Each structure stands twice: as C-alpha cells, then as structure tokens.
Amino acid sequence: MKNSLITLAIFYLAVVSYAQQTSNDTIHWSESRQLEWKDFTGKAAGKNGVLGQGTMVMNAKFHKGLRATTSVEAIFNRKSSFVSAEGKTVQQLKYFQTMFDIYEVESRKLRKEFKSTKFGLDPDKVFQEKYNAALKALSERVDEYMEETATGNEPAEVEKWSQALKLELKELEGFR
C-alpha cells in the first residue's frame, strides 16, 4: 500500500511536471533503446528500504486547427529516477524497463483511441476526458504490475509481464 501511494504521488508529480514541456533529461520510449543504469541520474530520496525509482509519464498534447491533432509519448525522466548501489541488479533494470513498456502500450492505446475520435464542437473537453481515462487505466495497470511483481522482487512475474507486453506492443505496432 505504501509503495502504491508513493507511486501515485510520483505519477501525479510527473504528469504535472510534463504538462507543458519535456527537457533534454528525458528518454522517449524506443524499441531500439532500452533503459540502462546510467539513465538513473537522480539523487536517492533517502527513503528507508527504497532501492530505486523510475519516473515515467504518458504525455499527451492536443492542437486545434482545421483538424484537431494529437500526440502521445511515453517518457522517462533521468533526473528524477535513481537507484541505490544495492538496487543495481539485472532484475531491477528489467523491472523498470517493463514498466516503461507498460507506459508505451498505454500510449499506443491512447493514440489508437484518438485516431478514431471525432472531436466535435468541444474538442478540448473530448481530449481531456479521453486523456484522463487513459491516465486512470495506466495508473491501475502500473499498480497491478507492482503488486503482482512485488515491486520487481518476483522475477517470474516480471518475465510474464515482459512477454505479455511484447505481444501487446506488436499488436499495436500501427500506433507506434
């Protein structure tokens, strides 16, 4: 429960901090680029028992014009992500990469949703409703992942999630 509250607080801060723009201290999800320990450049928060933290966000933007356009990205923040020396294991890195993959799967689902959306007379409202629903689904999925994998301490569960997400990414290839 404590980890879920910490995750939700981090998730909220990440969404707020990314609402306007991203910086050079970010990594945009890519099939050709996996997370590495050198990407975790933040300072440890000094929380008892916390070996590391990966800060990720699903950032969506909306632009009104002759035709409404949207963009959705899964982004990792290097500066607010950290890992302690004892947390630097192959298993923990896989745990964070798999979480980043969840963000990309949910981003692709939102891209797919936006592609079939008629924004109508109140496009801002439609965009915000769909984005809020996607953020809620993402938060629930991350919580489920954290619980089922015991925050990365159950290797078999992390592997199960990783394989399932690879299939989902492939199914949603058209929304990359």
N, C-alpha and C. Protein backbone atom coordinates (compact mmCIF):
# COMPACT_ATOMS: atom_id res chain seq x y z
N MET A 1 0.82 -1.19 0.00
CA MET A 1 0.00 0.00 0.00
C MET A 1 0.87 1.26 0.00
N LYS A 2 1.94 1.23 0.84
CA LYS A 2 2.83 2.37 0.93
C LYS A 2 3.48 2.64 -0.43
N ASN A 3 3.91 1.55 -1.11
CA ASN A 3 4.52 1.71 -2.43
C ASN A 3 3.52 2.28 -3.44
N SER A 4 2.26 1.88 -3.33
CA SER A 4 1.25 2.40 -4.24
C SER A 4 1.05 3.89 -4.04
N LEU A 5 1.04 4.33 -2.79
CA LEU A 5 0.88 5.76 -2.51
C LEU A 5 2.08 6.55 -3.02
N ILE A 6 3.26 5.99 -2.84
CA ILE A 6 4.46 6.66 -3.34
C ILE A 6 4.40 6.73 -4.86
N THR A 7 4.00 5.63 -5.50
CA THR A 7 3.90 5.61 -6.96
C THR A 7 2.87 6.62 -7.45
N LEU A 8 1.72 6.68 -6.80
CA LEU A 8 0.69 7.64 -7.22
C LEU A 8 1.18 9.08 -7.06
N ALA A 9 1.88 9.36 -5.98
CA ALA A 9 2.41 10.71 -5.76
C ALA A 9 3.43 11.04 -6.85
N ILE A 10 4.30 10.10 -7.15
CA ILE A 10 5.30 10.31 -8.19
C ILE A 10 4.61 10.47 -9.54
N PHE A 11 3.63 9.63 -9.80
CA PHE A 11 2.89 9.69 -11.05
C PHE A 11 2.25 11.07 -11.22
N TYR A 12 1.61 11.58 -10.17
CA TYR A 12 0.96 12.88 -10.22
C TYR A 12 1.99 13.98 -10.49
N LEU A 13 3.10 13.95 -9.77
CA LEU A 13 4.14 14.96 -9.97
C LEU A 13 4.72 14.89 -11.37
N ALA A 14 4.88 13.68 -11.88
CA ALA A 14 5.42 13.53 -13.23
C ALA A 14 4.47 14.11 -14.26
N VAL A 15 3.19 13.86 -14.10
CA VAL A 15 2.20 14.39 -15.05
C VAL A 15 2.20 15.90 -15.01
N VAL A 16 2.20 16.47 -13.82
CA VAL A 16 2.20 17.92 -13.68
C VAL A 16 3.47 18.52 -14.26
N SER A 17 4.61 17.92 -13.97
CA SER A 17 5.87 18.48 -14.44
C SER A 17 6.01 18.39 -15.96
N TYR A 18 5.35 17.43 -16.57
CA TYR A 18 5.45 17.28 -18.02
C TYR A 18 4.30 17.94 -18.78
N ALA A 19 3.40 18.55 -18.09
CA ALA A 19 2.22 19.12 -18.73
C ALA A 19 2.58 20.15 -19.79
N GLN A 20 3.63 20.90 -19.59
CA GLN A 20 3.97 21.96 -20.52
C GLN A 20 5.06 21.57 -21.52
N GLN A 21 6.13 20.92 -21.04
CA GLN A 21 7.21 20.57 -21.96
C GLN A 21 8.12 19.52 -21.35
N THR A 22 8.94 18.94 -22.21
CA THR A 22 9.91 17.97 -21.74
C THR A 22 11.30 18.58 -21.91
N SER A 23 12.30 17.98 -21.29
CA SER A 23 13.65 18.54 -21.35
C SER A 23 14.61 17.52 -21.97
N ASN A 24 15.87 17.92 -22.02
CA ASN A 24 16.91 17.03 -22.54
C ASN A 24 17.21 15.89 -21.57
N ASP A 25 16.67 15.96 -20.39
CA ASP A 25 16.90 14.93 -19.38
C ASP A 25 15.86 13.83 -19.47
N THR A 26 15.32 13.63 -20.65
CA THR A 26 14.29 12.62 -20.83
C THR A 26 14.69 11.62 -21.91
N ILE A 27 14.06 10.45 -21.83
CA ILE A 27 14.20 9.43 -22.85
C ILE A 27 12.80 9.12 -23.35
N HIS A 28 12.60 9.21 -24.63
CA HIS A 28 11.33 8.84 -25.24
C HIS A 28 11.40 7.35 -25.57
N TRP A 29 10.35 6.63 -25.26
CA TRP A 29 10.35 5.18 -25.47
C TRP A 29 10.72 4.86 -26.90
N SER A 30 11.58 3.85 -27.07
CA SER A 30 12.01 3.41 -28.39
C SER A 30 12.30 1.92 -28.35
N GLU A 31 11.91 1.23 -29.41
CA GLU A 31 12.22 -0.20 -29.49
C GLU A 31 13.72 -0.44 -29.51
N SER A 32 14.47 0.49 -30.06
CA SER A 32 15.90 0.30 -30.22
C SER A 32 16.72 0.79 -29.02
N ARG A 33 16.04 1.33 -28.01
CA ARG A 33 16.77 1.88 -26.86
C ARG A 33 16.17 1.38 -25.56
N GLN A 34 16.90 0.53 -24.88
CA GLN A 34 16.47 0.02 -23.57
C GLN A 34 17.08 0.90 -22.48
N LEU A 35 16.44 0.93 -21.33
CA LEU A 35 16.98 1.67 -20.20
C LEU A 35 18.30 1.06 -19.75
N GLU A 36 19.19 1.90 -19.26
CA GLU A 36 20.47 1.48 -18.70
C GLU A 36 20.61 2.15 -17.34
N TRP A 37 21.47 1.61 -16.50
CA TRP A 37 21.64 2.21 -15.18
C TRP A 37 22.14 3.64 -15.26
N LYS A 38 22.90 3.98 -16.29
CA LYS A 38 23.39 5.35 -16.42
C LYS A 38 22.25 6.35 -16.67
N ASP A 39 21.05 5.85 -17.00
CA ASP A 39 19.89 6.72 -17.20
C ASP A 39 19.28 7.20 -15.89
N PHE A 40 19.64 6.56 -14.80
CA PHE A 40 19.10 6.89 -13.48
C PHE A 40 20.06 7.88 -12.81
N THR A 41 19.91 9.17 -13.10
CA THR A 41 20.88 10.16 -12.64
C THR A 41 20.40 10.96 -11.43
N GLY A 42 19.19 10.72 -10.97
CA GLY A 42 18.67 11.46 -9.83
C GLY A 42 19.33 11.04 -8.53
N LYS A 43 19.13 11.85 -7.53
CA LYS A 43 19.66 11.56 -6.20
C LYS A 43 18.64 10.74 -5.42
N ALA A 44 19.12 9.71 -4.73
CA ALA A 44 18.25 8.86 -3.92
C ALA A 44 17.50 9.73 -2.91
N ALA A 45 16.23 9.43 -2.76
CA ALA A 45 15.38 10.22 -1.88
C ALA A 45 15.63 9.93 -0.41
N GLY A 46 16.44 8.94 -0.11
CA GLY A 46 16.76 8.62 1.27
C GLY A 46 15.63 7.93 2.01
N LYS A 47 14.69 7.40 1.25
CA LYS A 47 13.57 6.68 1.87
C LYS A 47 14.04 5.31 2.29
N ASN A 48 13.71 4.94 3.49
CA ASN A 48 14.11 3.66 4.06
C ASN A 48 13.57 2.50 3.23
N GLY A 49 14.45 1.65 2.74
CA GLY A 49 14.03 0.47 2.02
C GLY A 49 13.78 0.67 0.53
N VAL A 50 13.85 1.90 0.03
CA VAL A 50 13.62 2.15 -1.39
C VAL A 50 14.95 2.03 -2.12
N LEU A 51 15.05 1.01 -2.99
CA LEU A 51 16.29 0.76 -3.72
C LEU A 51 16.40 1.59 -4.98
N GLY A 52 15.26 2.03 -5.50
CA GLY A 52 15.29 2.81 -6.72
C GLY A 52 13.92 3.28 -7.11
N GLN A 53 13.92 4.18 -8.07
CA GLN A 53 12.66 4.74 -8.56
C GLN A 53 12.85 5.13 -10.02
N GLY A 54 11.90 4.76 -10.83
CA GLY A 54 11.90 5.19 -12.22
C GLY A 54 10.71 6.11 -12.42
N THR A 55 10.96 7.33 -12.88
CA THR A 55 9.88 8.29 -13.10
C THR A 55 9.54 8.31 -14.58
N MET A 56 8.29 7.96 -14.87
CA MET A 56 7.82 7.88 -16.25
C MET A 56 6.50 8.60 -16.36
N VAL A 57 6.17 8.99 -17.58
CA VAL A 57 4.92 9.70 -17.80
C VAL A 57 4.40 9.39 -19.20
N MET A 58 3.09 9.42 -19.32
CA MET A 58 2.45 9.36 -20.63
C MET A 58 2.00 10.79 -20.91
N ASN A 59 2.69 11.45 -21.82
CA ASN A 59 2.44 12.85 -22.13
C ASN A 59 1.59 12.92 -23.40
N ALA A 60 0.48 13.64 -23.32
CA ALA A 60 -0.38 13.82 -24.50
C ALA A 60 -0.57 15.30 -24.74
N LYS A 61 -0.54 15.66 -26.02
CA LYS A 61 -0.74 17.06 -26.42
C LYS A 61 -1.85 17.11 -27.46
N PHE A 62 -2.49 18.27 -27.49
CA PHE A 62 -3.62 18.48 -28.37
C PHE A 62 -3.45 19.84 -29.04
N HIS A 63 -3.71 19.88 -30.35
CA HIS A 63 -3.61 21.13 -31.08
C HIS A 63 -4.86 21.30 -31.94
N LYS A 64 -5.53 22.43 -31.73
CA LYS A 64 -6.71 22.73 -32.55
C LYS A 64 -6.26 23.49 -33.79
N GLY A 65 -6.80 23.11 -34.90
CA GLY A 65 -6.54 23.78 -36.16
C GLY A 65 -7.71 23.46 -37.06
N LEU A 66 -7.48 23.42 -38.34
CA LEU A 66 -8.55 22.99 -39.24
C LEU A 66 -9.00 21.59 -38.87
N ARG A 67 -8.03 20.81 -38.44
CA ARG A 67 -8.29 19.46 -37.97
C ARG A 67 -7.55 19.28 -36.65
N ALA A 68 -8.20 18.75 -35.65
CA ALA A 68 -7.55 18.53 -34.36
C ALA A 68 -6.46 17.47 -34.51
N THR A 69 -5.29 17.75 -33.93
CA THR A 69 -4.20 16.78 -33.96
C THR A 69 -3.75 16.50 -32.52
N THR A 70 -3.27 15.29 -32.33
CA THR A 70 -2.81 14.89 -31.01
C THR A 70 -1.46 14.20 -31.13
N SER A 71 -0.75 14.18 -30.02
CA SER A 71 0.47 13.37 -29.93
C SER A 71 0.51 12.79 -28.53
N VAL A 72 1.03 11.58 -28.45
CA VAL A 72 1.13 10.88 -27.17
C VAL A 72 2.51 10.22 -27.12
N GLU A 73 3.20 10.41 -25.99
CA GLU A 73 4.54 9.86 -25.84
C GLU A 73 4.71 9.23 -24.45
N ALA A 74 5.46 8.15 -24.42
CA ALA A 74 5.90 7.56 -23.15
C ALA A 74 7.31 8.10 -22.90
N ILE A 75 7.50 8.73 -21.75
CA ILE A 75 8.75 9.43 -21.47
C ILE A 75 9.30 9.02 -20.10
N PHE A 76 10.61 8.83 -20.06
CA PHE A 76 11.34 8.50 -18.83
C PHE A 76 12.15 9.72 -18.44
N ASN A 77 12.08 10.11 -17.17
CA ASN A 77 12.84 11.26 -16.68
C ASN A 77 14.09 10.78 -15.96
N ARG A 78 15.23 11.11 -16.52
CA ARG A 78 16.51 10.69 -15.93
C ARG A 78 16.78 11.36 -14.58
N LYS A 79 16.50 12.67 -14.50
CA LYS A 79 16.87 13.45 -13.31
C LYS A 79 16.11 13.05 -12.05
N SER A 80 14.90 12.55 -12.21
CA SER A 80 14.14 12.17 -11.01
C SER A 80 14.10 10.65 -10.81
N SER A 81 14.85 9.94 -11.62
CA SER A 81 14.96 8.48 -11.47
C SER A 81 16.30 8.17 -10.83
N PHE A 82 16.29 7.26 -9.88
CA PHE A 82 17.52 6.93 -9.17
C PHE A 82 17.54 5.46 -8.80
N VAL A 83 18.73 5.00 -8.44
CA VAL A 83 18.88 3.64 -7.94
C VAL A 83 20.06 3.62 -6.96
N SER A 84 19.90 2.88 -5.89
CA SER A 84 20.99 2.73 -4.93
C SER A 84 21.96 1.67 -5.45
N ALA A 85 23.13 1.63 -4.87
CA ALA A 85 24.14 0.66 -5.30
C ALA A 85 23.62 -0.76 -5.19
N GLU A 86 22.94 -1.09 -4.09
CA GLU A 86 22.43 -2.45 -3.92
C GLU A 86 21.22 -2.74 -4.81
N GLY A 87 20.61 -1.71 -5.35
CA GLY A 87 19.46 -1.91 -6.24
C GLY A 87 19.84 -2.17 -7.68
N LYS A 88 21.10 -1.98 -8.03
CA LYS A 88 21.55 -2.14 -9.41
C LYS A 88 21.72 -3.61 -9.76
N THR A 89 20.62 -4.26 -10.04
CA THR A 89 20.66 -5.67 -10.45
C THR A 89 20.02 -5.78 -11.83
N VAL A 90 20.35 -6.83 -12.52
CA VAL A 90 19.75 -7.10 -13.83
C VAL A 90 18.23 -7.19 -13.68
N GLN A 91 17.78 -7.82 -12.60
CA GLN A 91 16.35 -8.00 -12.36
C GLN A 91 15.65 -6.65 -12.17
N GLN A 92 16.22 -5.75 -11.42
CA GLN A 92 15.60 -4.44 -11.19
C GLN A 92 15.55 -3.62 -12.47
N LEU A 93 16.60 -3.70 -13.27
CA LEU A 93 16.60 -2.97 -14.55
C LEU A 93 15.50 -3.50 -15.46
N LYS A 94 15.33 -4.81 -15.48
CA LYS A 94 14.25 -5.40 -16.28
C LYS A 94 12.89 -4.94 -15.75
N TYR A 95 12.77 -4.85 -14.44
CA TYR A 95 11.53 -4.37 -13.83
C TYR A 95 11.19 -2.96 -14.32
N PHE A 96 12.17 -2.06 -14.31
CA PHE A 96 11.92 -0.68 -14.76
C PHE A 96 11.65 -0.62 -16.26
N GLN A 97 12.39 -1.41 -17.06
CA GLN A 97 12.14 -1.42 -18.50
C GLN A 97 10.73 -1.93 -18.80
N THR A 98 10.31 -2.95 -18.08
CA THR A 98 8.97 -3.49 -18.30
C THR A 98 7.92 -2.46 -17.91
N MET A 99 8.18 -1.70 -16.87
CA MET A 99 7.24 -0.63 -16.51
C MET A 99 7.19 0.42 -17.62
N PHE A 100 8.34 0.77 -18.18
CA PHE A 100 8.39 1.72 -19.29
C PHE A 100 7.60 1.17 -20.48
N ASP A 101 7.68 -0.14 -20.69
CA ASP A 101 6.90 -0.77 -21.76
C ASP A 101 5.40 -0.64 -21.51
N ILE A 102 4.98 -0.71 -20.25
CA ILE A 102 3.56 -0.50 -19.92
C ILE A 102 3.15 0.90 -20.36
N TYR A 103 3.99 1.87 -20.08
CA TYR A 103 3.68 3.25 -20.48
C TYR A 103 3.54 3.36 -22.00
N GLU A 104 4.40 2.67 -22.74
CA GLU A 104 4.30 2.71 -24.20
C GLU A 104 3.04 2.00 -24.70
N VAL A 105 2.71 0.86 -24.14
CA VAL A 105 1.49 0.14 -24.55
C VAL A 105 0.27 1.04 -24.33
N GLU A 106 0.20 1.66 -23.16
CA GLU A 106 -0.94 2.52 -22.87
C GLU A 106 -0.94 3.77 -23.74
N SER A 107 0.24 4.26 -24.11
CA SER A 107 0.34 5.40 -25.03
C SER A 107 -0.19 5.01 -26.41
N ARG A 108 0.16 3.82 -26.85
CA ARG A 108 -0.33 3.35 -28.15
C ARG A 108 -1.85 3.17 -28.14
N LYS A 109 -2.37 2.68 -27.04
CA LYS A 109 -3.83 2.55 -26.93
C LYS A 109 -4.50 3.91 -27.02
N LEU A 110 -3.91 4.91 -26.40
CA LEU A 110 -4.49 6.26 -26.46
C LEU A 110 -4.35 6.84 -27.87
N ARG A 111 -3.22 6.60 -28.54
CA ARG A 111 -3.07 7.04 -29.94
C ARG A 111 -4.16 6.41 -30.80
N LYS A 112 -4.40 5.13 -30.58
CA LYS A 112 -5.44 4.42 -31.33
C LYS A 112 -6.81 5.05 -31.05
N GLU A 113 -7.07 5.32 -29.79
CA GLU A 113 -8.34 5.94 -29.40
C GLU A 113 -8.50 7.31 -30.06
N PHE A 114 -7.46 8.12 -30.02
CA PHE A 114 -7.54 9.45 -30.64
C PHE A 114 -7.74 9.37 -32.15
N LYS A 115 -7.13 8.36 -32.77
CA LYS A 115 -7.26 8.24 -34.23
C LYS A 115 -8.71 8.03 -34.66
N SER A 116 -9.48 7.35 -33.84
CA SER A 116 -10.88 7.09 -34.21
C SER A 116 -11.86 8.08 -33.57
N THR A 117 -11.35 9.10 -32.92
CA THR A 117 -12.20 10.05 -32.21
C THR A 117 -12.64 11.20 -33.10
N LYS A 118 -13.91 11.51 -33.03
CA LYS A 118 -14.46 12.72 -33.64
C LYS A 118 -14.52 13.75 -32.51
N PHE A 119 -13.71 14.78 -32.61
CA PHE A 119 -13.59 15.73 -31.51
C PHE A 119 -14.77 16.69 -31.40
N GLY A 120 -15.54 16.84 -32.45
CA GLY A 120 -16.79 17.60 -32.38
C GLY A 120 -16.65 19.07 -32.03
N LEU A 121 -17.70 19.60 -31.41
CA LEU A 121 -17.77 21.03 -31.12
C LEU A 121 -16.97 21.45 -29.89
N ASP A 122 -16.66 20.52 -29.02
CA ASP A 122 -15.88 20.83 -27.83
C ASP A 122 -14.66 19.91 -27.75
N PRO A 123 -13.71 20.12 -28.67
CA PRO A 123 -12.57 19.20 -28.75
C PRO A 123 -11.71 19.16 -27.48
N ASP A 124 -11.57 20.30 -26.79
CA ASP A 124 -10.78 20.31 -25.56
C ASP A 124 -11.36 19.36 -24.53
N LYS A 125 -12.66 19.38 -24.40
CA LYS A 125 -13.34 18.52 -23.43
C LYS A 125 -13.18 17.04 -23.80
N VAL A 126 -13.37 16.73 -25.07
CA VAL A 126 -13.24 15.34 -25.54
C VAL A 126 -11.82 14.85 -25.31
N PHE A 127 -10.82 15.68 -25.69
CA PHE A 127 -9.42 15.31 -25.49
C PHE A 127 -9.16 15.03 -24.01
N GLN A 128 -9.57 15.95 -23.14
CA GLN A 128 -9.27 15.82 -21.72
C GLN A 128 -9.95 14.59 -21.11
N GLU A 129 -11.18 14.31 -21.52
CA GLU A 129 -11.88 13.12 -21.00
C GLU A 129 -11.15 11.84 -21.39
N LYS A 130 -10.73 11.76 -22.64
CA LYS A 130 -10.04 10.55 -23.11
C LYS A 130 -8.65 10.42 -22.46
N TYR A 131 -7.97 11.54 -22.32
CA TYR A 131 -6.65 11.53 -21.69
C TYR A 131 -6.77 11.14 -20.21
N ASN A 132 -7.74 11.70 -19.51
CA ASN A 132 -7.94 11.36 -18.10
C ASN A 132 -8.27 9.88 -17.93
N ALA A 133 -9.10 9.34 -18.81
CA ALA A 133 -9.45 7.92 -18.74
C ALA A 133 -8.20 7.06 -18.99
N ALA A 134 -7.37 7.48 -19.93
CA ALA A 134 -6.14 6.73 -20.23
C ALA A 134 -5.17 6.80 -19.05
N LEU A 135 -5.06 7.94 -18.41
CA LEU A 135 -4.19 8.06 -17.24
C LEU A 135 -4.67 7.17 -16.10
N LYS A 136 -5.98 7.09 -15.93
CA LYS A 136 -6.54 6.23 -14.89
C LYS A 136 -6.22 4.76 -15.19
N ALA A 137 -6.42 4.36 -16.45
CA ALA A 137 -6.12 2.98 -16.85
C ALA A 137 -4.63 2.67 -16.66
N LEU A 138 -3.78 3.62 -17.01
CA LEU A 138 -2.34 3.45 -16.84
C LEU A 138 -1.99 3.29 -15.37
N SER A 139 -2.52 4.14 -14.53
CA SER A 139 -2.25 4.07 -13.10
C SER A 139 -2.68 2.73 -12.51
N GLU A 140 -3.85 2.25 -12.91
CA GLU A 140 -4.34 0.95 -12.43
C GLU A 140 -3.45 -0.18 -12.90
N ARG A 141 -2.98 -0.09 -14.13
CA ARG A 141 -2.13 -1.15 -14.68
C ARG A 141 -0.77 -1.16 -13.99
N VAL A 142 -0.21 0.01 -13.75
CA VAL A 142 1.08 0.09 -13.04
C VAL A 142 0.93 -0.47 -11.63
N ASP A 143 -0.15 -0.12 -10.96
CA ASP A 143 -0.39 -0.67 -9.61
C ASP A 143 -0.48 -2.19 -9.63
N GLU A 144 -1.18 -2.72 -10.63
CA GLU A 144 -1.32 -4.17 -10.77
C GLU A 144 0.06 -4.82 -11.00
N TYR A 145 0.85 -4.20 -11.88
CA TYR A 145 2.20 -4.69 -12.16
C TYR A 145 3.06 -4.69 -10.90
N MET A 146 3.03 -3.60 -10.19
CA MET A 146 3.83 -3.50 -8.96
C MET A 146 3.41 -4.56 -7.94
N GLU A 147 2.12 -4.75 -7.82
CA GLU A 147 1.61 -5.73 -6.85
C GLU A 147 1.99 -7.15 -7.27
N GLU A 148 1.74 -7.50 -8.52
CA GLU A 148 1.99 -8.87 -8.98
C GLU A 148 3.47 -9.22 -9.00
N THR A 149 4.31 -8.22 -9.20
CA THR A 149 5.75 -8.48 -9.25
C THR A 149 6.45 -8.18 -7.93
N ALA A 150 5.68 -7.81 -6.91
CA ALA A 150 6.24 -7.42 -5.61
C ALA A 150 7.33 -6.36 -5.82
N THR A 151 6.97 -5.34 -6.59
CA THR A 151 7.87 -4.24 -6.94
C THR A 151 9.20 -4.75 -7.51
N GLY A 152 9.09 -5.74 -8.38
CA GLY A 152 10.25 -6.27 -9.08
C GLY A 152 10.95 -7.42 -8.39
N ASN A 153 10.47 -7.84 -7.25
CA ASN A 153 11.14 -8.89 -6.48
C ASN A 153 10.69 -10.30 -6.84
N GLU A 154 9.80 -10.44 -7.80
CA GLU A 154 9.34 -11.75 -8.28
C GLU A 154 9.74 -11.89 -9.75
N PRO A 155 10.94 -12.40 -10.01
CA PRO A 155 11.45 -12.49 -11.38
C PRO A 155 10.52 -13.17 -12.37
N ALA A 156 9.87 -14.23 -11.96
CA ALA A 156 8.98 -14.96 -12.89
C ALA A 156 7.81 -14.08 -13.30
N GLU A 157 7.30 -13.28 -12.37
CA GLU A 157 6.18 -12.39 -12.69
C GLU A 157 6.62 -11.24 -13.60
N VAL A 158 7.81 -10.70 -13.35
CA VAL A 158 8.33 -9.64 -14.22
C VAL A 158 8.48 -10.18 -15.64
N GLU A 159 9.00 -11.39 -15.77
CA GLU A 159 9.17 -12.01 -17.08
C GLU A 159 7.82 -12.24 -17.76
N LYS A 160 6.84 -12.69 -16.99
CA LYS A 160 5.49 -12.91 -17.54
C LYS A 160 4.93 -11.59 -18.10
N TRP A 161 5.06 -10.53 -17.34
CA TRP A 161 4.59 -9.21 -17.79
C TRP A 161 5.38 -8.76 -19.03
N SER A 162 6.68 -8.94 -19.00
CA SER A 162 7.52 -8.52 -20.11
C SER A 162 7.09 -9.18 -21.41
N GLN A 163 6.86 -10.49 -21.37
CA GLN A 163 6.45 -11.23 -22.57
C GLN A 163 5.07 -10.80 -23.05
N ALA A 164 4.15 -10.60 -22.13
CA ALA A 164 2.79 -10.17 -22.49
C ALA A 164 2.83 -8.78 -23.13
N LEU A 165 3.66 -7.90 -22.61
CA LEU A 165 3.76 -6.55 -23.16
C LEU A 165 4.40 -6.55 -24.54
N LYS A 166 5.35 -7.44 -24.78
CA LYS A 166 5.94 -7.55 -26.11
C LYS A 166 4.88 -7.90 -27.14
N LEU A 167 3.97 -8.79 -26.77
CA LEU A 167 2.87 -9.15 -27.67
C LEU A 167 1.94 -7.95 -27.90
N GLU A 168 1.62 -7.24 -26.84
CA GLU A 168 0.75 -6.06 -26.97
C GLU A 168 1.40 -4.99 -27.84
N LEU A 169 2.69 -4.77 -27.65
CA LEU A 169 3.39 -3.78 -28.48
C LEU A 169 3.32 -4.17 -29.96
N LYS A 170 3.46 -5.46 -30.21
CA LYS A 170 3.39 -5.94 -31.59
C LYS A 170 1.97 -5.74 -32.17
N GLU A 171 0.96 -6.06 -31.36
CA GLU A 171 -0.43 -5.89 -31.79
C GLU A 171 -0.76 -4.42 -32.08
N LEU A 172 -0.13 -3.52 -31.35
CA LEU A 172 -0.38 -2.09 -31.51
C LEU A 172 0.68 -1.39 -32.35
N GLU A 173 1.41 -2.17 -33.14
CA GLU A 173 2.51 -1.66 -33.97
C GLU A 173 2.08 -0.47 -34.83
N GLY A 174 0.87 -0.49 -35.33
CA GLY A 174 0.37 0.58 -36.18
C GLY A 174 0.19 1.91 -35.47
N PHE A 175 0.35 1.93 -34.16
CA PHE A 175 0.14 3.15 -33.37
C PHE A 175 1.43 3.55 -32.65
N ARG A 176 2.55 3.18 -33.24
CA ARG A 176 3.87 3.49 -32.69
C ARG A 176 4.15 4.96 -32.74
